[in-house]
Each structure stands twice: as C-alpha cells, then as structure tokens.
N, C-alpha and C. Protein backbone atom coordinates (compact mmCIF):
# COMPACT_ATOMS: atom_id res chain seq x y z
N UNK A 1 53.17 -3.02 21.07
CA UNK A 1 54.35 -3.18 21.93
C UNK A 1 54.49 -1.96 22.81
N UNK A 2 54.71 -2.18 24.09
CA UNK A 2 54.84 -1.05 25.00
C UNK A 2 56.07 -0.23 24.69
N UNK A 3 55.92 1.07 24.88
CA UNK A 3 57.06 1.96 24.66
C UNK A 3 58.00 1.97 25.85
N UNK A 4 57.67 1.20 26.89
CA UNK A 4 58.49 1.26 28.11
C UNK A 4 59.33 0.01 28.30
N UNK A 5 59.65 -0.70 27.23
CA UNK A 5 60.45 -1.92 27.36
C UNK A 5 61.83 -1.57 27.91
N UNK A 6 62.20 -2.07 29.09
CA UNK A 6 63.51 -1.75 29.64
C UNK A 6 64.58 -2.62 29.00
N UNK A 7 65.49 -2.01 28.29
CA UNK A 7 66.55 -2.75 27.62
C UNK A 7 67.88 -2.09 27.91
N UNK A 8 68.83 -2.87 28.35
CA UNK A 8 70.17 -2.33 28.54
C UNK A 8 70.80 -2.08 27.18
N UNK A 9 71.30 -0.89 26.98
CA UNK A 9 71.84 -0.53 25.67
C UNK A 9 73.18 -1.20 25.45
N UNK A 10 73.31 -1.91 24.33
CA UNK A 10 74.56 -2.59 24.02
C UNK A 10 75.51 -1.64 23.34
N UNK A 11 76.80 -1.96 23.37
CA UNK A 11 77.80 -1.10 22.75
C UNK A 11 77.62 -1.04 21.25
N UNK A 12 77.03 -2.10 20.66
CA UNK A 12 76.85 -2.13 19.20
C UNK A 12 75.75 -1.19 18.75
N UNK A 13 74.83 -0.81 19.65
CA UNK A 13 73.70 -0.01 19.24
C UNK A 13 73.73 1.39 19.85
N UNK A 14 74.84 1.77 20.41
CA UNK A 14 74.93 3.10 20.98
C UNK A 14 75.22 4.14 19.91
N UNK A 15 74.52 5.26 20.00
CA UNK A 15 74.79 6.40 19.14
C UNK A 15 75.30 7.51 20.04
N UNK A 16 76.52 8.00 19.81
CA UNK A 16 77.08 9.02 20.69
C UNK A 16 76.28 10.32 20.60
N UNK A 17 75.94 10.85 21.74
CA UNK A 17 75.23 12.12 21.80
C UNK A 17 76.23 13.23 22.06
N UNK A 18 75.84 14.44 21.66
CA UNK A 18 76.73 15.57 21.91
C UNK A 18 76.93 15.74 23.41
N UNK A 19 75.87 15.61 24.19
CA UNK A 19 75.95 15.65 25.65
C UNK A 19 75.13 14.50 26.21
N UNK A 20 75.78 13.58 26.89
CA UNK A 20 75.06 12.48 27.50
C UNK A 20 74.21 12.99 28.66
N UNK A 21 72.92 12.60 28.71
CA UNK A 21 72.10 13.01 29.85
C UNK A 21 72.53 12.29 31.11
N UNK A 22 72.73 13.05 32.19
CA UNK A 22 73.20 12.45 33.43
C UNK A 22 72.19 12.63 34.56
N UNK A 23 71.12 13.37 34.32
CA UNK A 23 70.11 13.58 35.33
C UNK A 23 68.76 13.16 34.76
N UNK A 24 67.82 12.87 35.66
CA UNK A 24 66.49 12.44 35.22
C UNK A 24 65.85 13.49 34.32
N UNK A 25 66.04 14.77 34.65
CA UNK A 25 65.44 15.83 33.85
C UNK A 25 66.02 15.83 32.43
N UNK A 26 67.34 15.66 32.33
CA UNK A 26 67.97 15.63 31.01
C UNK A 26 67.53 14.41 30.22
N UNK A 27 67.40 13.27 30.90
CA UNK A 27 66.96 12.05 30.23
C UNK A 27 65.54 12.23 29.70
N UNK A 28 64.68 12.85 30.50
CA UNK A 28 63.31 13.09 30.06
C UNK A 28 63.28 14.05 28.88
N UNK A 29 64.14 15.04 28.88
CA UNK A 29 64.19 16.00 27.77
C UNK A 29 64.63 15.30 26.49
N UNK A 30 65.63 14.44 26.60
CA UNK A 30 66.09 13.69 25.44
C UNK A 30 64.99 12.78 24.91
N UNK A 31 64.28 12.11 25.81
CA UNK A 31 63.18 11.23 25.39
C UNK A 31 62.10 12.03 24.67
N UNK A 32 61.83 13.24 25.16
CA UNK A 32 60.81 14.07 24.53
C UNK A 32 61.22 14.47 23.12
N UNK A 33 62.51 14.74 22.91
CA UNK A 33 62.99 15.08 21.57
C UNK A 33 62.84 13.90 20.63
N UNK A 34 63.20 12.71 21.10
CA UNK A 34 63.08 11.51 20.25
C UNK A 34 61.62 11.17 20.00
N UNK A 35 60.76 11.37 21.00
CA UNK A 35 59.33 11.13 20.79
C UNK A 35 58.78 12.08 19.73
N UNK A 36 59.20 13.34 19.80
CA UNK A 36 58.76 14.31 18.80
C UNK A 36 59.24 13.92 17.42
N UNK A 37 60.49 13.50 17.32
CA UNK A 37 61.03 13.08 16.03
C UNK A 37 60.26 11.88 15.49
N UNK A 38 59.93 10.93 16.36
CA UNK A 38 59.20 9.73 15.92
C UNK A 38 57.83 10.11 15.37
N UNK A 39 57.16 11.04 16.01
CA UNK A 39 55.84 11.48 15.54
C UNK A 39 55.95 12.14 14.17
N UNK A 40 56.96 12.95 13.99
CA UNK A 40 57.16 13.62 12.71
C UNK A 40 57.47 12.62 11.61
N UNK A 41 58.31 11.63 11.91
CA UNK A 41 58.62 10.59 10.93
C UNK A 41 57.35 9.88 10.51
N UNK A 42 56.45 9.59 11.47
CA UNK A 42 55.17 8.96 11.13
C UNK A 42 54.35 9.83 10.19
N UNK A 43 54.39 11.13 10.42
CA UNK A 43 53.52 12.04 9.67
C UNK A 43 54.04 12.37 8.28
N UNK A 44 55.33 12.64 8.16
CA UNK A 44 55.84 13.13 6.87
C UNK A 44 57.07 12.38 6.36
N UNK A 45 57.56 11.42 7.12
CA UNK A 45 58.73 10.66 6.69
C UNK A 45 60.03 11.28 7.18
N UNK A 46 61.04 10.44 7.33
CA UNK A 46 62.32 10.92 7.85
C UNK A 46 63.01 11.88 6.88
N UNK A 47 62.69 11.77 5.58
CA UNK A 47 63.36 12.61 4.59
C UNK A 47 63.10 14.09 4.82
N UNK A 48 61.94 14.41 5.37
CA UNK A 48 61.54 15.82 5.51
C UNK A 48 61.71 16.35 6.93
N UNK A 49 62.15 15.50 7.83
CA UNK A 49 62.32 15.94 9.22
C UNK A 49 63.44 16.98 9.33
N UNK A 50 63.21 18.02 10.13
CA UNK A 50 64.24 19.01 10.42
C UNK A 50 64.35 19.18 11.93
N UNK A 51 65.47 19.70 12.37
CA UNK A 51 65.65 19.94 13.80
C UNK A 51 64.67 21.00 14.29
N UNK A 52 64.33 21.95 13.43
CA UNK A 52 63.36 22.99 13.83
C UNK A 52 61.99 22.38 14.11
N UNK A 53 61.59 21.41 13.28
CA UNK A 53 60.31 20.73 13.51
C UNK A 53 60.32 20.00 14.85
N UNK A 54 61.43 19.36 15.14
CA UNK A 54 61.54 18.60 16.38
C UNK A 54 61.46 19.52 17.59
N UNK A 55 62.18 20.63 17.53
CA UNK A 55 62.15 21.56 18.66
C UNK A 55 60.76 22.10 18.89
N UNK A 56 60.06 22.45 17.79
CA UNK A 56 58.70 22.97 17.92
C UNK A 56 57.76 21.93 18.48
N UNK A 57 57.83 20.71 17.95
CA UNK A 57 56.92 19.65 18.40
C UNK A 57 57.18 19.27 19.86
N UNK A 58 58.44 19.30 20.28
CA UNK A 58 58.79 18.94 21.65
C UNK A 58 58.60 20.10 22.63
N UNK A 59 58.33 21.29 22.10
CA UNK A 59 58.21 22.46 22.97
C UNK A 59 59.53 22.86 23.59
N UNK A 60 60.61 22.66 22.83
CA UNK A 60 61.95 22.97 23.32
C UNK A 60 62.61 23.97 22.38
N UNK A 61 63.63 24.62 22.86
CA UNK A 61 64.36 25.55 22.01
C UNK A 61 65.23 24.78 21.03
N UNK A 62 65.58 25.42 19.93
CA UNK A 62 66.46 24.77 18.97
C UNK A 62 67.82 24.51 19.60
N UNK A 63 68.21 25.35 20.55
CA UNK A 63 69.46 25.14 21.27
C UNK A 63 69.46 23.85 22.07
N UNK A 64 68.29 23.49 22.60
CA UNK A 64 68.18 22.23 23.34
C UNK A 64 68.40 21.05 22.41
N UNK A 65 67.83 21.12 21.21
CA UNK A 65 68.04 20.04 20.23
C UNK A 65 69.53 19.90 19.93
N UNK A 66 70.18 21.04 19.66
CA UNK A 66 71.60 20.98 19.30
C UNK A 66 72.50 20.65 20.49
N UNK A 67 71.96 20.76 21.67
CA UNK A 67 72.73 20.34 22.84
C UNK A 67 73.02 18.85 22.78
N UNK A 68 72.06 18.09 22.23
CA UNK A 68 72.21 16.64 22.16
C UNK A 68 72.60 16.14 20.78
N UNK A 69 72.17 16.83 19.74
CA UNK A 69 72.37 16.33 18.39
C UNK A 69 72.98 17.42 17.51
N UNK A 70 74.13 17.17 16.89
CA UNK A 70 74.76 18.19 16.06
C UNK A 70 73.97 18.49 14.79
N UNK A 71 73.13 17.52 14.34
CA UNK A 71 72.35 17.73 13.12
C UNK A 71 71.21 16.72 13.07
N UNK A 72 70.39 16.80 12.03
CA UNK A 72 69.25 15.91 11.89
C UNK A 72 69.66 14.46 11.68
N UNK A 73 70.83 14.24 11.07
CA UNK A 73 71.29 12.88 10.86
C UNK A 73 71.57 12.20 12.19
N UNK A 74 72.24 12.90 13.09
CA UNK A 74 72.52 12.34 14.41
C UNK A 74 71.23 12.05 15.16
N UNK A 75 70.24 12.91 14.99
CA UNK A 75 68.96 12.70 15.65
C UNK A 75 68.27 11.44 15.12
N UNK A 76 68.29 11.26 13.79
CA UNK A 76 67.70 10.07 13.20
C UNK A 76 68.46 8.81 13.60
N UNK A 77 69.77 8.92 13.70
CA UNK A 77 70.56 7.78 14.16
C UNK A 77 70.16 7.38 15.57
N UNK A 78 69.95 8.36 16.43
CA UNK A 78 69.56 8.08 17.81
C UNK A 78 68.17 7.46 17.87
N UNK A 79 67.27 7.94 17.03
CA UNK A 79 65.93 7.36 17.00
C UNK A 79 65.97 5.92 16.50
N UNK A 80 66.77 5.66 15.46
CA UNK A 80 66.92 4.30 14.98
C UNK A 80 67.51 3.39 16.05
N UNK A 81 68.47 3.91 16.82
CA UNK A 81 69.07 3.12 17.89
C UNK A 81 68.06 2.81 18.98
N UNK A 82 67.20 3.79 19.29
CA UNK A 82 66.17 3.54 20.30
C UNK A 82 65.17 2.49 19.80
N UNK A 83 64.80 2.59 18.54
CA UNK A 83 63.91 1.57 17.97
C UNK A 83 64.54 0.18 18.09
N UNK A 84 65.83 0.12 17.79
CA UNK A 84 66.54 -1.15 17.88
C UNK A 84 66.49 -1.69 19.30
N UNK A 85 66.79 -0.87 20.27
CA UNK A 85 66.80 -1.32 21.66
C UNK A 85 65.45 -1.89 22.07
N UNK A 86 64.39 -1.18 21.72
CA UNK A 86 63.07 -1.61 22.14
C UNK A 86 62.65 -2.92 21.47
N UNK A 87 62.81 -2.98 20.17
CA UNK A 87 62.37 -4.17 19.44
C UNK A 87 63.27 -5.36 19.75
N UNK A 88 64.57 -5.12 19.79
CA UNK A 88 65.49 -6.22 20.05
C UNK A 88 65.28 -6.79 21.45
N UNK A 89 65.02 -5.94 22.41
CA UNK A 89 64.79 -6.43 23.76
C UNK A 89 63.57 -7.33 23.85
N UNK A 90 62.47 -6.87 23.23
CA UNK A 90 61.23 -7.66 23.28
C UNK A 90 61.36 -8.93 22.44
N UNK A 91 61.98 -8.84 21.27
CA UNK A 91 62.12 -10.02 20.40
C UNK A 91 63.04 -11.06 21.03
N UNK A 92 64.12 -10.62 21.65
CA UNK A 92 65.04 -11.55 22.31
C UNK A 92 64.35 -12.27 23.46
N UNK A 93 63.53 -11.54 24.21
CA UNK A 93 62.79 -12.16 25.31
C UNK A 93 61.81 -13.19 24.77
N UNK A 94 61.19 -12.89 23.63
CA UNK A 94 60.24 -13.83 23.03
C UNK A 94 60.95 -15.11 22.60
N UNK A 95 62.13 -14.98 22.00
CA UNK A 95 62.87 -16.15 21.55
C UNK A 95 63.25 -17.05 22.72
N UNK A 96 63.58 -16.45 23.84
CA UNK A 96 64.04 -17.22 25.00
C UNK A 96 62.90 -17.71 25.89
N UNK A 97 61.68 -17.35 25.58
CA UNK A 97 60.53 -17.74 26.40
C UNK A 97 60.41 -19.27 26.41
N UNK A 98 60.42 -19.90 27.59
CA UNK A 98 60.40 -21.37 27.66
C UNK A 98 59.11 -21.99 27.17
N UNK A 99 58.05 -21.20 26.96
CA UNK A 99 56.80 -21.78 26.49
C UNK A 99 56.88 -22.25 25.04
N UNK A 100 57.87 -21.76 24.28
CA UNK A 100 58.00 -22.15 22.89
C UNK A 100 58.76 -23.47 22.79
N UNK A 101 58.13 -24.46 22.16
CA UNK A 101 58.68 -25.81 22.15
C UNK A 101 59.69 -26.05 21.04
N UNK A 102 59.72 -25.18 20.04
CA UNK A 102 60.66 -25.39 18.94
C UNK A 102 61.06 -24.03 18.35
N UNK A 103 62.03 -24.06 17.45
CA UNK A 103 62.58 -22.81 16.93
C UNK A 103 61.56 -22.04 16.09
N UNK A 104 60.65 -22.74 15.45
CA UNK A 104 59.64 -22.06 14.64
C UNK A 104 58.72 -21.23 15.53
N UNK A 105 58.27 -21.81 16.64
CA UNK A 105 57.40 -21.09 17.56
C UNK A 105 58.12 -19.88 18.16
N UNK A 106 59.38 -20.09 18.53
CA UNK A 106 60.16 -19.00 19.13
C UNK A 106 60.38 -17.87 18.14
N UNK A 107 60.74 -18.22 16.91
CA UNK A 107 61.00 -17.19 15.91
C UNK A 107 59.70 -16.51 15.48
N UNK A 108 58.60 -17.24 15.47
CA UNK A 108 57.31 -16.65 15.15
C UNK A 108 56.92 -15.61 16.21
N UNK A 109 57.25 -15.88 17.46
CA UNK A 109 56.96 -14.92 18.53
C UNK A 109 57.79 -13.65 18.34
N UNK A 110 59.04 -13.81 17.92
CA UNK A 110 59.88 -12.65 17.65
C UNK A 110 59.33 -11.86 16.45
N UNK A 111 58.85 -12.57 15.44
CA UNK A 111 58.24 -11.94 14.27
C UNK A 111 57.02 -11.13 14.69
N UNK A 112 56.24 -11.66 15.60
CA UNK A 112 55.06 -10.95 16.08
C UNK A 112 55.45 -9.63 16.77
N UNK A 113 56.58 -9.63 17.46
CA UNK A 113 57.08 -8.40 18.08
C UNK A 113 57.38 -7.36 17.01
N UNK A 114 58.04 -7.78 15.94
CA UNK A 114 58.37 -6.87 14.85
C UNK A 114 57.10 -6.29 14.22
N UNK A 115 56.13 -7.15 13.95
CA UNK A 115 54.88 -6.70 13.34
C UNK A 115 54.17 -5.70 14.24
N UNK A 116 54.15 -5.98 15.55
CA UNK A 116 53.50 -5.06 16.48
C UNK A 116 54.22 -3.72 16.53
N UNK A 117 55.54 -3.73 16.37
CA UNK A 117 56.28 -2.47 16.34
C UNK A 117 55.86 -1.63 15.14
N UNK A 118 55.66 -2.26 14.00
CA UNK A 118 55.17 -1.55 12.82
C UNK A 118 53.80 -0.95 13.08
N UNK A 119 52.98 -1.66 13.84
CA UNK A 119 51.62 -1.19 14.08
C UNK A 119 51.55 -0.10 15.14
N UNK A 120 52.39 -0.20 16.17
CA UNK A 120 52.16 0.62 17.35
C UNK A 120 53.31 1.52 17.77
N UNK A 121 54.53 1.24 17.36
CA UNK A 121 55.68 2.03 17.82
C UNK A 121 55.82 3.27 16.95
N UNK A 122 55.65 4.47 17.53
CA UNK A 122 55.76 5.69 16.73
C UNK A 122 57.13 5.80 16.04
N UNK A 123 57.09 6.10 14.77
CA UNK A 123 58.32 6.29 14.01
C UNK A 123 58.94 5.03 13.47
N UNK A 124 58.48 3.86 13.92
CA UNK A 124 59.14 2.62 13.52
C UNK A 124 58.85 2.27 12.07
N UNK A 125 57.64 2.50 11.62
CA UNK A 125 57.27 2.11 10.27
C UNK A 125 58.13 2.83 9.22
N UNK A 126 58.45 4.09 9.49
CA UNK A 126 59.22 4.86 8.53
C UNK A 126 60.72 4.67 8.64
N UNK A 127 61.21 4.54 9.87
CA UNK A 127 62.66 4.50 10.08
C UNK A 127 63.18 3.12 10.44
N UNK A 128 62.34 2.32 11.10
CA UNK A 128 62.75 1.02 11.61
C UNK A 128 64.00 1.17 12.50
N UNK A 129 65.02 0.37 12.27
CA UNK A 129 66.21 0.49 13.12
C UNK A 129 67.28 1.35 12.46
N UNK A 130 66.91 2.06 11.41
CA UNK A 130 67.83 3.01 10.79
C UNK A 130 68.57 2.48 9.59
N UNK A 131 68.44 1.17 9.30
CA UNK A 131 69.16 0.61 8.16
C UNK A 131 68.54 0.96 6.81
N UNK A 132 67.35 1.57 6.84
CA UNK A 132 66.66 1.87 5.58
C UNK A 132 67.22 3.10 4.88
N UNK A 133 68.04 3.87 5.59
CA UNK A 133 68.62 5.06 4.98
C UNK A 133 70.12 5.04 5.15
N UNK A 134 70.78 5.75 4.28
CA UNK A 134 72.24 5.82 4.30
C UNK A 134 72.63 6.97 5.21
N UNK A 135 72.96 6.63 6.45
CA UNK A 135 73.29 7.66 7.44
C UNK A 135 74.80 7.69 7.65
N UNK A 136 75.48 8.44 6.84
CA UNK A 136 76.93 8.54 6.99
C UNK A 136 77.29 9.83 7.72
N UNK A 137 78.31 9.85 8.57
CA UNK A 137 79.10 8.67 8.95
C UNK A 137 78.34 7.80 9.93
N UNK A 138 78.40 6.49 9.74
CA UNK A 138 77.69 5.59 10.63
C UNK A 138 78.41 5.50 11.97
N UNK A 139 77.66 5.52 13.09
CA UNK A 139 78.28 5.41 14.41
C UNK A 139 78.64 3.97 14.76
N UNK A 140 78.27 3.02 13.91
CA UNK A 140 78.50 1.61 14.19
C UNK A 140 79.17 0.95 13.01
N UNK A 141 79.97 -0.06 13.29
CA UNK A 141 80.68 -0.77 12.23
C UNK A 141 79.77 -1.72 11.47
N UNK A 142 78.70 -2.17 12.09
CA UNK A 142 77.82 -3.16 11.48
C UNK A 142 76.41 -2.59 11.34
N UNK A 143 75.69 -3.01 10.30
CA UNK A 143 74.29 -2.60 10.17
C UNK A 143 73.48 -3.09 11.37
N UNK A 144 72.47 -2.33 11.74
CA UNK A 144 71.65 -2.74 12.87
C UNK A 144 70.93 -4.06 12.61
N UNK A 145 70.55 -4.33 11.36
CA UNK A 145 69.91 -5.61 11.08
C UNK A 145 70.83 -6.78 11.38
N UNK A 146 72.14 -6.58 11.21
CA UNK A 146 73.10 -7.62 11.56
C UNK A 146 73.14 -7.84 13.06
N UNK A 147 73.01 -6.76 13.82
CA UNK A 147 72.97 -6.87 15.27
C UNK A 147 71.73 -7.65 15.70
N UNK A 148 70.59 -7.34 15.09
CA UNK A 148 69.36 -8.07 15.38
C UNK A 148 69.53 -9.55 15.08
N UNK A 149 70.09 -9.86 13.91
CA UNK A 149 70.27 -11.26 13.51
C UNK A 149 71.12 -12.01 14.52
N UNK A 150 72.24 -11.44 14.92
CA UNK A 150 73.14 -12.13 15.86
C UNK A 150 72.48 -12.36 17.21
N UNK A 151 71.78 -11.36 17.72
CA UNK A 151 71.15 -11.51 19.03
C UNK A 151 70.06 -12.56 19.01
N UNK A 152 69.22 -12.54 17.98
CA UNK A 152 68.14 -13.52 17.92
C UNK A 152 68.67 -14.93 17.70
N UNK A 153 69.66 -15.06 16.83
CA UNK A 153 70.23 -16.39 16.60
C UNK A 153 70.92 -16.91 17.85
N UNK A 154 71.63 -16.05 18.56
CA UNK A 154 72.25 -16.48 19.82
C UNK A 154 71.19 -16.99 20.79
N UNK A 155 70.03 -16.33 20.79
CA UNK A 155 68.94 -16.79 21.65
C UNK A 155 68.44 -18.15 21.25
N UNK A 156 68.29 -18.39 19.95
CA UNK A 156 67.84 -19.70 19.48
C UNK A 156 68.86 -20.78 19.78
N UNK A 157 70.14 -20.47 19.59
CA UNK A 157 71.20 -21.44 19.87
C UNK A 157 71.21 -21.83 21.34
N UNK A 158 71.07 -20.83 22.21
CA UNK A 158 71.04 -21.12 23.63
C UNK A 158 69.80 -21.85 24.08
N UNK A 159 68.68 -21.57 23.43
CA UNK A 159 67.41 -22.16 23.83
C UNK A 159 67.26 -23.59 23.33
N UNK A 160 67.74 -23.88 22.12
CA UNK A 160 67.47 -25.17 21.49
C UNK A 160 68.74 -25.96 21.15
N UNK A 161 69.86 -25.56 21.70
CA UNK A 161 71.13 -26.29 21.50
C UNK A 161 71.43 -26.49 20.02
N UNK A 162 71.28 -25.43 19.26
CA UNK A 162 71.54 -25.48 17.82
C UNK A 162 73.05 -25.38 17.58
N UNK A 163 73.54 -26.09 16.58
CA UNK A 163 74.95 -26.00 16.21
C UNK A 163 75.20 -24.71 15.43
N UNK A 164 76.12 -23.93 15.91
CA UNK A 164 76.44 -22.64 15.28
C UNK A 164 77.43 -22.87 14.14
N UNK A 165 77.07 -22.42 12.95
CA UNK A 165 77.97 -22.53 11.79
C UNK A 165 77.93 -21.23 11.00
N UNK A 166 78.96 -20.95 10.21
CA UNK A 166 78.94 -19.75 9.36
C UNK A 166 77.77 -19.77 8.38
N UNK A 167 77.43 -20.94 7.89
CA UNK A 167 76.31 -21.05 6.94
C UNK A 167 75.00 -20.68 7.60
N UNK A 168 74.81 -21.12 8.84
CA UNK A 168 73.61 -20.75 9.58
C UNK A 168 73.58 -19.25 9.83
N UNK A 169 74.72 -18.68 10.21
CA UNK A 169 74.78 -17.24 10.46
C UNK A 169 74.36 -16.45 9.22
N UNK A 170 74.86 -16.86 8.07
CA UNK A 170 74.52 -16.14 6.85
C UNK A 170 73.04 -16.30 6.52
N UNK A 171 72.53 -17.54 6.62
CA UNK A 171 71.12 -17.78 6.31
C UNK A 171 70.21 -16.99 7.25
N UNK A 172 70.61 -16.89 8.50
CA UNK A 172 69.77 -16.17 9.46
C UNK A 172 69.81 -14.67 9.19
N UNK A 173 70.98 -14.13 8.88
CA UNK A 173 71.05 -12.71 8.57
C UNK A 173 70.26 -12.39 7.30
N UNK A 174 70.35 -13.27 6.30
CA UNK A 174 69.55 -13.08 5.08
C UNK A 174 68.06 -13.12 5.42
N UNK A 175 67.68 -13.97 6.34
CA UNK A 175 66.28 -14.07 6.75
C UNK A 175 65.80 -12.76 7.39
N UNK A 176 66.66 -12.16 8.20
CA UNK A 176 66.29 -10.89 8.83
C UNK A 176 66.11 -9.80 7.78
N UNK A 177 67.00 -9.76 6.80
CA UNK A 177 66.88 -8.75 5.74
C UNK A 177 65.61 -8.97 4.92
N UNK A 178 65.29 -10.21 4.61
CA UNK A 178 64.08 -10.51 3.85
C UNK A 178 62.84 -10.14 4.66
N UNK A 179 62.85 -10.50 5.94
CA UNK A 179 61.73 -10.17 6.81
C UNK A 179 61.52 -8.67 6.88
N UNK A 180 62.60 -7.93 7.06
CA UNK A 180 62.53 -6.47 7.14
C UNK A 180 61.89 -5.89 5.89
N UNK A 181 62.33 -6.37 4.72
CA UNK A 181 61.82 -5.84 3.45
C UNK A 181 60.35 -6.21 3.24
N UNK A 182 59.97 -7.46 3.51
CA UNK A 182 58.60 -7.89 3.25
C UNK A 182 57.62 -7.28 4.25
N UNK A 183 58.03 -7.16 5.50
CA UNK A 183 57.13 -6.55 6.48
C UNK A 183 56.95 -5.06 6.17
N UNK A 184 58.03 -4.40 5.77
CA UNK A 184 57.92 -2.99 5.37
C UNK A 184 56.94 -2.84 4.21
N UNK A 185 57.03 -3.75 3.25
CA UNK A 185 56.10 -3.72 2.11
C UNK A 185 54.68 -3.98 2.57
N UNK A 186 54.50 -4.87 3.54
CA UNK A 186 53.17 -5.19 4.04
C UNK A 186 52.50 -3.96 4.66
N UNK A 187 53.31 -3.08 5.26
CA UNK A 187 52.76 -1.91 5.93
C UNK A 187 52.83 -0.64 5.08
N UNK A 188 53.31 -0.75 3.86
CA UNK A 188 53.46 0.43 3.02
C UNK A 188 52.12 1.10 2.73
N UNK A 189 51.08 0.32 2.55
CA UNK A 189 49.76 0.87 2.23
C UNK A 189 48.67 0.37 3.17
N UNK A 190 49.05 -0.46 4.13
CA UNK A 190 48.06 -1.06 5.02
C UNK A 190 48.48 -0.80 6.48
N UNK A 191 47.73 0.00 7.22
CA UNK A 191 48.10 0.32 8.61
C UNK A 191 48.28 -0.90 9.50
N UNK A 192 47.53 -1.97 9.23
CA UNK A 192 47.64 -3.18 10.04
C UNK A 192 48.51 -4.25 9.39
N UNK A 193 49.02 -3.97 8.20
CA UNK A 193 49.88 -4.93 7.52
C UNK A 193 49.10 -5.79 6.55
N UNK A 194 49.57 -5.90 5.33
CA UNK A 194 48.93 -6.71 4.30
C UNK A 194 49.30 -8.17 4.54
N UNK A 195 48.33 -8.97 4.92
CA UNK A 195 48.58 -10.33 5.39
C UNK A 195 49.34 -11.21 4.40
N UNK A 196 49.05 -11.15 3.09
CA UNK A 196 49.82 -12.01 2.17
C UNK A 196 51.33 -11.78 2.23
N UNK A 197 51.77 -10.52 2.38
CA UNK A 197 53.20 -10.27 2.49
C UNK A 197 53.75 -10.79 3.82
N UNK A 198 52.98 -10.64 4.89
CA UNK A 198 53.42 -11.14 6.19
C UNK A 198 53.55 -12.67 6.16
N UNK A 199 52.57 -13.33 5.57
CA UNK A 199 52.60 -14.79 5.49
C UNK A 199 53.75 -15.27 4.60
N UNK A 200 53.97 -14.56 3.51
CA UNK A 200 55.05 -14.94 2.61
C UNK A 200 56.40 -14.83 3.31
N UNK A 201 56.56 -13.83 4.14
CA UNK A 201 57.81 -13.69 4.90
C UNK A 201 58.06 -14.93 5.74
N UNK A 202 57.04 -15.42 6.42
CA UNK A 202 57.20 -16.61 7.25
C UNK A 202 57.59 -17.84 6.41
N UNK A 203 56.96 -17.98 5.26
CA UNK A 203 57.24 -19.13 4.40
C UNK A 203 58.68 -19.09 3.89
N UNK A 204 59.10 -17.91 3.42
CA UNK A 204 60.46 -17.77 2.88
C UNK A 204 61.50 -18.03 3.96
N UNK A 205 61.29 -17.46 5.14
CA UNK A 205 62.26 -17.62 6.23
C UNK A 205 62.34 -19.08 6.65
N UNK A 206 61.21 -19.77 6.73
CA UNK A 206 61.24 -21.19 7.09
C UNK A 206 62.05 -21.98 6.06
N UNK A 207 61.84 -21.67 4.79
CA UNK A 207 62.58 -22.37 3.74
C UNK A 207 64.07 -22.15 3.83
N UNK A 208 64.49 -20.96 4.23
CA UNK A 208 65.90 -20.67 4.38
C UNK A 208 66.53 -21.35 5.59
N UNK A 209 65.77 -21.42 6.68
CA UNK A 209 66.36 -21.86 7.94
C UNK A 209 66.17 -23.34 8.24
N UNK A 210 65.14 -23.95 7.69
CA UNK A 210 64.87 -25.35 8.00
C UNK A 210 66.06 -26.28 7.68
N UNK A 211 66.79 -26.06 6.59
CA UNK A 211 67.96 -26.94 6.34
C UNK A 211 69.02 -26.87 7.43
N UNK A 212 69.03 -25.77 8.19
CA UNK A 212 70.04 -25.59 9.24
C UNK A 212 69.50 -25.90 10.64
N UNK A 213 68.22 -25.60 10.85
CA UNK A 213 67.63 -25.74 12.19
C UNK A 213 66.74 -26.95 12.32
N UNK A 214 66.40 -27.58 11.19
CA UNK A 214 65.55 -28.76 11.23
C UNK A 214 64.11 -28.44 10.88
N UNK A 215 63.43 -29.41 10.30
CA UNK A 215 62.02 -29.23 9.94
C UNK A 215 61.13 -29.43 11.16
N UNK A 216 60.02 -28.70 11.16
CA UNK A 216 59.07 -28.79 12.27
C UNK A 216 57.69 -29.03 11.70
C-alpha cells in the first residue's frame, strides 16, 4: 500500500498535537518524526520506543520532538492515527469500488488493503491503529477499530442498499476485532502472513455477516 494515500482526517481520528503544523516545512518535519517512530516500532516494538530514539533517527533535536508531542504516548497515538487514516482511506475506497458485484467481493478487497498494510506500511504490524495498547488518556471517545467498522459498514450499506440494524452493527464490529486479531497472529512470525490464519479470518467473518448481509 502506498504511503501517500491522501485521506481527509476525520474528527474521530484526530490526535491533538502540541503545535499544529501550519507550513509545509513544519508538516514535513512532523512526517519525518512519525516516519522515524514507525521504523523504530518495526525494529524493536512500540514498548521500547523513546522520544530520544525518534529525535536521533529523524535527525532532529529532542526539542523538535517535544514541540509536537509532550511524551512518547502522544507520539504513538499520532502514529496510530496516521495508520488509521491511511488504511481506512484505502479500505473505504475498495469497498465503494463499483467493480465489486457483492458485499463479499467488496469486503475481501478491504481485507486485502489491511493485509498489504501489515506487509508494507512501516510501523503498522506492531502498532496497527493504536488499539493494541492501552494509551491513556485516550484522545478519542471510541476505539479506532470501532471507527474502522462504522466507516466500512457505511460503505457497504451505501453500495449494496443493505438494511442498517443494531445487530448488523455489532456483528460487523465484532468481525473487525476478529480480523484484527487473526491477521496480527498471521504476521507474528511470518513476514508475508501465515495463510491459514488469513483464510480462517475470511471464513469466520463470512459466518458472522452472512445472516445479516445475505449468502453469496
């Protein structure tokens, strides 16, 4: 998945920065800090990341890091939010693609986006959208996986005229949580993803959603 996916940031996925970048140079500096953090997460995991590591990897002063992030938790929150924006943008576009004739094909395309993010998006395998760790205080009222579920389901409803019900909403959110867990397990020891876990995710999700969306 390209790292340049243009996605308008939603209010649900915004992480407040200490200083919002208002110039191209500041935006580039912020991107460099998040890129450095993503690389470190890939190498040693988010648990061991420090602001000093990020400043060194980005070639910036520690003061520059603290200009945008009060601590490492805020930095990880911002990286998780960026991961969310990129993956959600591409997955939502896949769901709405008119070439998909049914909900299974559309959702499979969104699943492929997630898998590709695990393979190619720096920092995604370890942090994902940030729901894997307890980042208190949370800048958002809802878990990011819930945001993903709502956006993708809204896309399916709009694309295939599905009836929206609370039961469908719950089943779909449960599907996203199951997918997140099984795909993470698939990539825990396999750089390209362990296929049996990936396939099992598809089977389980179909079983959960078919009673609400119809068999295909």
